Amino acid sequence: MHWRDRFLYCMEAVNKAQAATGEIKGTYLNVTAGTMEDMYERAEFAKELGSVIVMIDLVIGWTAMQSMSKWARRNNMILHLHRAGHGTYTRQKAHGISFRVIAKWARLAGVDHIHAGTVVGKLEGDPAATRGYYDICREDHNPMRLENGVFFDQSWASLRKVMPVASGGIHAGQMHQLLDYLGEDVVLQFGGGTIGHPMGIAAGAIANRVALEAMILARNEGRDTLKEGPQILAEASKWCAPLKQALDVWGDVTFDYASTDTPDFVPTATAAE
């Protein structure tokens, strides 16, 4: 599909959703192209259509990324960075580059969003290492945390933070794990976990929202949401048919494999211990 047609169809859906819900909606209109001129043209068209956000792929390169960041600032647009292509070098521990480094570069480049891992989704990710990526994006100061792959203290001074995005094989049945591993300052992006809902896309969105709200309420009541997560979701699904359907379809779906992207850190016992 031609990019102009894709943008028009997407924004038609966004406008319909806004009219139906009374909420501001957005979709990541991907402006990635072969030249900066083409990307500027696409971004300008997205802005003309009323979009609040545009997306670029990591593969455009760091100079292009910073140029798009400057354009986004001038035009009051959110810039989402899709990390497409990172796996070709972040998973090679012998000669690769940790995604922690990419997260730092992206923050320096000035993007607003970045896909930073899921832990429990289809993107492989060690929980400790992924927490390190999220800390790099969100904190004003990163103290040394060897277990998270952060090897020295770093202050970000007044440099803007980046909102981490969890996307890739996540679904409502993992809500308790997502909140425990990733925290609340995160965009939870349920793609297939919304579109693939047997009752339709709107029902998929309802299922995800109800699961999130049920987990937050349970946590605020003092419950151990990580341990009691499945029970909390089951209780909420009794009065929410879309959530029950989502749990029936995806509740047992997991991606169990050993991550290759783990911190090079092993605790060493001492005689005093």
Protein backbone atom coordinates (compact mmCIF):
# COMPACT_ATOMS: atom_id res chain seq x y z
CA MET A 1 0.00 0.00 0.00
CA HIS A 2 1.25 3.47 -0.85
CA TRP A 3 2.25 5.41 2.26
CA ARG A 4 -0.24 8.21 1.57
CA ASP A 5 -3.13 5.75 1.39
CA ARG A 6 -1.92 4.04 4.56
CA PHE A 7 -1.79 7.36 6.43
CA LEU A 8 -5.29 8.30 5.23
CA TYR A 9 -6.81 4.98 6.27
CA CYS A 10 -5.09 5.10 9.66
CA MET A 11 -6.19 8.64 10.45
CA GLU A 12 -9.75 7.85 9.38
CA ALA A 13 -9.77 5.10 12.01
CA VAL A 14 -8.17 7.42 14.60
CA ASN A 15 -10.82 10.09 14.03
CA LYS A 16 -13.62 7.54 14.31
CA ALA A 17 -12.18 6.24 17.59
CA GLN A 18 -11.85 9.77 18.98
CA ALA A 19 -15.44 10.59 18.05
CA ALA A 20 -16.73 7.38 19.63
CA THR A 21 -14.78 7.63 22.90
CA GLY A 22 -14.19 11.34 23.43
CA GLU A 23 -10.51 10.51 24.06
CA ILE A 24 -7.42 11.63 22.17
CA LYS A 25 -6.12 8.77 20.05
CA GLY A 26 -3.05 8.30 17.93
CA THR A 27 -1.34 5.78 15.71
CA TYR A 28 2.34 5.43 14.91
CA LEU A 29 2.49 6.67 11.31
CA ASN A 30 5.82 5.31 10.07
CA VAL A 31 7.65 8.00 8.10
CA THR A 32 10.78 5.90 7.52
CA ALA A 33 12.07 6.36 3.97
CA GLY A 34 15.24 6.30 1.90
CA THR A 35 16.07 10.01 2.19
CA MET A 36 15.54 12.81 4.70
CA GLU A 37 13.49 14.71 2.09
CA ASP A 38 11.09 11.79 1.83
CA MET A 39 10.80 11.48 5.61
CA TYR A 40 10.10 15.18 6.02
CA GLU A 41 7.42 14.95 3.32
CA ARG A 42 5.73 12.04 5.06
CA ALA A 43 5.95 13.68 8.47
CA GLU A 44 4.45 16.91 7.15
CA PHE A 45 1.58 14.97 5.60
CA ALA A 46 0.98 13.16 8.91
CA LYS A 47 0.83 16.51 10.67
CA GLU A 48 -1.61 17.90 8.08
CA LEU A 49 -3.89 14.94 8.72
CA GLY A 50 -3.97 15.76 12.43
CA SER A 51 -1.70 13.03 13.75
CA VAL A 52 -0.04 13.67 17.12
CA ILE A 53 2.76 11.14 16.60
CA VAL A 54 5.07 9.79 13.91
CA MET A 55 7.39 6.79 13.95
CA ILE A 56 10.88 6.12 12.65
CA ASP A 57 12.83 2.88 12.47
CA LEU A 58 16.22 2.45 14.13
CA VAL A 59 17.75 1.53 10.78
CA ILE A 60 17.54 5.11 9.44
CA GLY A 61 20.73 5.92 11.34
CA TRP A 62 21.70 8.32 14.10
CA THR A 63 22.07 11.50 12.06
CA ALA A 64 18.64 11.01 10.49
CA MET A 65 17.20 10.18 13.90
CA GLN A 66 18.41 13.47 15.37
CA SER A 67 17.13 15.39 12.36
CA MET A 68 13.67 13.88 12.82
CA SER A 69 13.86 14.69 16.52
CA LYS A 70 14.46 18.36 15.72
CA TRP A 71 11.57 18.31 13.25
CA ALA A 72 9.28 16.77 15.89
CA ARG A 73 10.21 19.46 18.44
CA ARG A 74 9.54 22.25 15.96
CA ASN A 75 6.18 20.78 15.00
CA ASN A 76 4.98 19.73 18.46
CA MET A 77 4.82 16.05 17.50
CA ILE A 78 5.69 12.91 19.48
CA LEU A 79 8.54 10.90 17.93
CA HIS A 80 8.34 7.14 18.39
CA LEU A 81 11.44 5.05 17.70
CA HIS A 82 10.81 1.50 16.56
CA ARG A 83 13.89 -0.61 17.26
CA ALA A 84 13.59 -2.56 14.00
CA GLY A 85 16.94 -4.07 13.11
CA HIS A 86 18.53 -4.05 16.56
CA GLY A 87 18.52 -7.84 16.84
CA THR A 88 21.21 -8.16 14.19
CA TYR A 89 23.79 -6.84 16.64
CA THR A 90 22.35 -6.69 20.17
CA ARG A 91 22.08 -10.48 20.44
CA GLN A 92 25.70 -11.14 19.54
CA LYS A 93 27.61 -10.99 22.83
CA ALA A 94 30.96 -11.68 21.15
CA HIS A 95 30.86 -8.69 18.78
CA GLY A 96 27.56 -6.91 19.33
CA ILE A 97 26.28 -3.79 21.08
CA SER A 98 24.00 -4.04 24.11
CA PHE A 99 20.58 -2.50 23.75
CA ARG A 100 21.46 -0.53 26.88
CA VAL A 101 23.89 1.47 24.72
CA ILE A 102 21.24 1.97 22.04
CA ALA A 103 18.83 3.26 24.70
CA LYS A 104 21.45 5.83 25.77
CA TRP A 105 22.10 6.92 22.20
CA ALA A 106 18.38 7.24 21.53
CA ARG A 107 17.90 9.42 24.61
CA LEU A 108 20.80 11.62 23.50
CA ALA A 109 19.28 11.81 20.02
CA GLY A 110 16.05 13.19 21.49
CA VAL A 111 13.35 10.62 20.70
CA ASP A 112 10.21 10.51 22.85
CA HIS A 113 9.36 6.78 22.75
CA ILE A 114 11.44 3.65 22.25
CA HIS A 115 10.65 -0.05 22.24
CA ALA A 116 12.62 -1.18 25.28
CA GLY A 117 11.68 -4.85 25.70
CA THR A 118 8.90 -6.90 27.27
CA VAL A 119 10.53 -9.70 29.33
CA VAL A 120 7.41 -11.88 29.04
CA GLY A 121 6.57 -11.27 25.38
CA LYS A 122 8.08 -12.61 22.17
CA LEU A 123 11.05 -10.22 22.38
CA GLU A 124 13.65 -12.09 24.35
CA GLY A 125 14.85 -10.22 27.39
CA ASP A 126 16.45 -10.98 30.70
CA PRO A 127 14.35 -9.29 33.45
CA ALA A 128 17.35 -7.69 35.14
CA ALA A 129 18.85 -6.40 31.90
CA THR A 130 15.49 -5.08 30.68
CA ARG A 131 15.04 -3.19 33.95
CA GLY A 132 18.40 -1.55 33.20
CA TYR A 133 17.14 -0.38 29.78
CA TYR A 134 14.03 1.10 31.38
CA ASP A 135 16.08 2.87 34.05
CA ILE A 136 18.29 4.39 31.34
CA CYS A 137 15.20 5.83 29.65
CA ARG A 138 13.32 7.07 32.71
CA GLU A 139 15.68 8.16 35.47
CA ASP A 140 17.43 11.49 36.01
CA HIS A 141 20.40 9.67 37.49
CA ASN A 142 21.47 6.07 36.91
CA PRO A 143 23.47 4.69 39.84
CA MET A 144 25.71 1.71 39.20
CA ARG A 145 23.62 -1.47 39.25
CA LEU A 146 25.75 -4.34 38.01
CA GLU A 147 22.86 -6.80 38.15
CA ASN A 148 20.98 -4.59 35.66
CA GLY A 149 23.96 -4.10 33.37
CA VAL A 150 24.60 -0.51 34.52
CA PHE A 151 28.34 -0.44 35.16
CA PHE A 152 28.89 3.15 36.30
CA ASP A 153 26.98 6.12 37.71
CA GLN A 154 25.55 8.46 35.11
CA SER A 155 23.67 11.72 35.55
CA TRP A 156 21.40 12.90 32.74
CA ALA A 157 21.26 16.47 34.06
CA SER A 158 18.39 18.26 32.31
CA LEU A 159 18.23 15.95 29.29
CA ARG A 160 14.68 14.85 28.52
CA LYS A 161 13.53 11.40 29.49
CA VAL A 162 12.27 8.78 27.05
CA MET A 163 9.03 6.83 27.51
CA PRO A 164 9.77 3.10 27.17
CA VAL A 165 7.28 1.05 25.17
CA ALA A 166 6.57 -2.63 25.83
CA SER A 167 5.42 -4.27 22.62
CA GLY A 168 5.78 -7.72 21.16
CA GLY A 169 3.63 -10.72 22.03
CA ILE A 170 2.11 -9.34 25.22
CA HIS A 171 -1.51 -9.94 26.25
CA ALA A 172 -3.95 -9.27 29.08
CA GLY A 173 -3.04 -12.49 30.89
CA GLN A 174 0.46 -11.15 31.55
CA MET A 175 -0.66 -7.87 33.11
CA HIS A 176 0.60 -8.70 36.61
CA GLN A 177 4.05 -9.60 35.26
CA LEU A 178 4.28 -6.54 33.04
CA LEU A 179 3.55 -4.15 35.91
CA ASP A 180 5.97 -5.93 38.24
CA TYR A 181 8.85 -6.05 35.76
CA LEU A 182 8.34 -2.75 33.94
CA GLY A 183 6.56 -0.43 36.38
CA GLU A 184 3.87 2.12 35.52
CA ASP A 185 5.81 4.72 33.51
CA VAL A 186 5.54 2.66 30.35
CA VAL A 187 3.39 2.38 27.24
CA LEU A 188 1.87 -1.11 27.09
CA GLN A 189 1.23 -1.79 23.42
CA PHE A 190 -0.98 -4.82 22.82
CA GLY A 191 -1.02 -5.32 19.05
CA GLY A 192 -2.03 -8.88 18.36
CA GLY A 193 -3.41 -8.99 21.89
CA THR A 194 -6.03 -6.46 20.76
CA ILE A 195 -6.55 -7.03 17.04
CA GLY A 196 -6.67 -10.81 17.44
CA HIS A 197 -9.44 -10.80 20.06
CA PRO A 198 -12.23 -13.21 18.99
CA MET A 199 -14.92 -10.63 19.81
CA GLY A 200 -13.26 -7.89 17.76
CA ILE A 201 -10.75 -5.08 18.19
CA ALA A 202 -12.91 -2.97 20.52
CA ALA A 203 -13.39 -5.97 22.82
CA GLY A 204 -9.63 -6.54 22.79
CA ALA A 205 -9.05 -2.97 23.92
CA ILE A 206 -11.64 -3.37 26.70
CA ALA A 207 -9.99 -6.58 27.90
CA ASN A 208 -6.58 -4.93 28.18
CA ARG A 209 -7.90 -1.85 29.96
CA VAL A 210 -9.97 -3.85 32.46
CA ALA A 211 -7.01 -6.15 33.19
CA LEU A 212 -4.76 -3.15 33.87
CA GLU A 213 -7.30 -1.36 36.05
CA ALA A 214 -8.06 -4.54 38.03
CA MET A 215 -4.35 -5.06 38.70
CA ILE A 216 -3.78 -1.44 39.80
CA LEU A 217 -6.81 -1.53 42.12
CA ALA A 218 -5.65 -4.82 43.64
CA ARG A 219 -2.17 -3.42 44.21
CA ASN A 220 -3.59 -0.30 45.85
CA GLU A 221 -5.54 -2.58 48.19
CA GLY A 222 -2.27 -4.15 49.32
CA ARG A 223 -2.50 -7.44 47.44
CA ASP A 224 0.57 -9.20 46.08
CA THR A 225 -0.25 -8.70 42.42
CA LEU A 226 2.64 -10.76 41.06
CA LYS A 227 1.74 -13.78 43.16
CA GLU A 228 -2.03 -13.37 42.95
CA GLY A 229 -2.12 -12.03 39.39
CA PRO A 230 -3.91 -14.95 37.70
CA GLN A 231 -6.51 -15.02 40.48
CA ILE A 232 -7.08 -11.25 40.24
CA LEU A 233 -7.58 -11.49 36.49
CA ALA A 234 -9.95 -14.44 36.89
CA GLU A 235 -12.03 -12.48 39.39
CA ALA A 236 -12.23 -9.47 37.06
CA SER A 237 -13.17 -11.66 34.09
CA LYS A 238 -16.36 -12.79 35.87
CA TRP A 239 -17.97 -9.43 35.06
CA CYS A 240 -16.07 -8.65 31.84
CA ALA A 241 -16.75 -11.01 28.93
CA PRO A 242 -14.00 -9.54 26.70
CA LEU A 243 -11.39 -10.18 29.40
CA LYS A 244 -12.65 -13.73 29.92
CA GLN A 245 -12.37 -14.38 26.19
CA ALA A 246 -8.85 -12.92 26.13
CA LEU A 247 -7.74 -15.14 29.01
CA ASP A 248 -9.31 -18.19 27.37
CA VAL A 249 -7.46 -17.50 24.10
CA TRP A 250 -4.08 -16.27 25.35
CA GLY A 251 -3.93 -17.18 29.03
CA ASP A 252 -1.55 -20.09 28.48
CA VAL A 253 0.57 -18.46 25.76
CA THR A 254 4.16 -17.98 26.88
CA PHE A 255 7.54 -17.54 25.19
CA ASP A 256 9.96 -19.61 27.22
CA TYR A 257 13.54 -19.40 26.04
CA ALA A 258 16.84 -18.40 27.54
CA SER A 259 17.83 -14.85 26.71
CA THR A 260 21.19 -14.23 25.07
CA ASP A 261 21.19 -10.59 26.15
CA THR A 262 22.03 -10.96 29.84
CA PRO A 263 24.21 -8.80 32.13
CA ASP A 264 27.84 -9.88 32.40
CA PHE A 265 27.52 -9.99 36.16
CA VAL A 266 27.74 -12.89 38.59
CA PRO A 267 27.49 -12.29 42.36
CA THR A 268 30.59 -13.59 44.13
CA ALA A 269 30.27 -15.02 47.62
CA THR A 270 32.80 -13.84 50.24
CA ALA A 271 34.14 -15.48 53.37
CA ALA A 272 32.15 -13.04 55.52
CA GLU A 273 28.94 -14.35 54.02
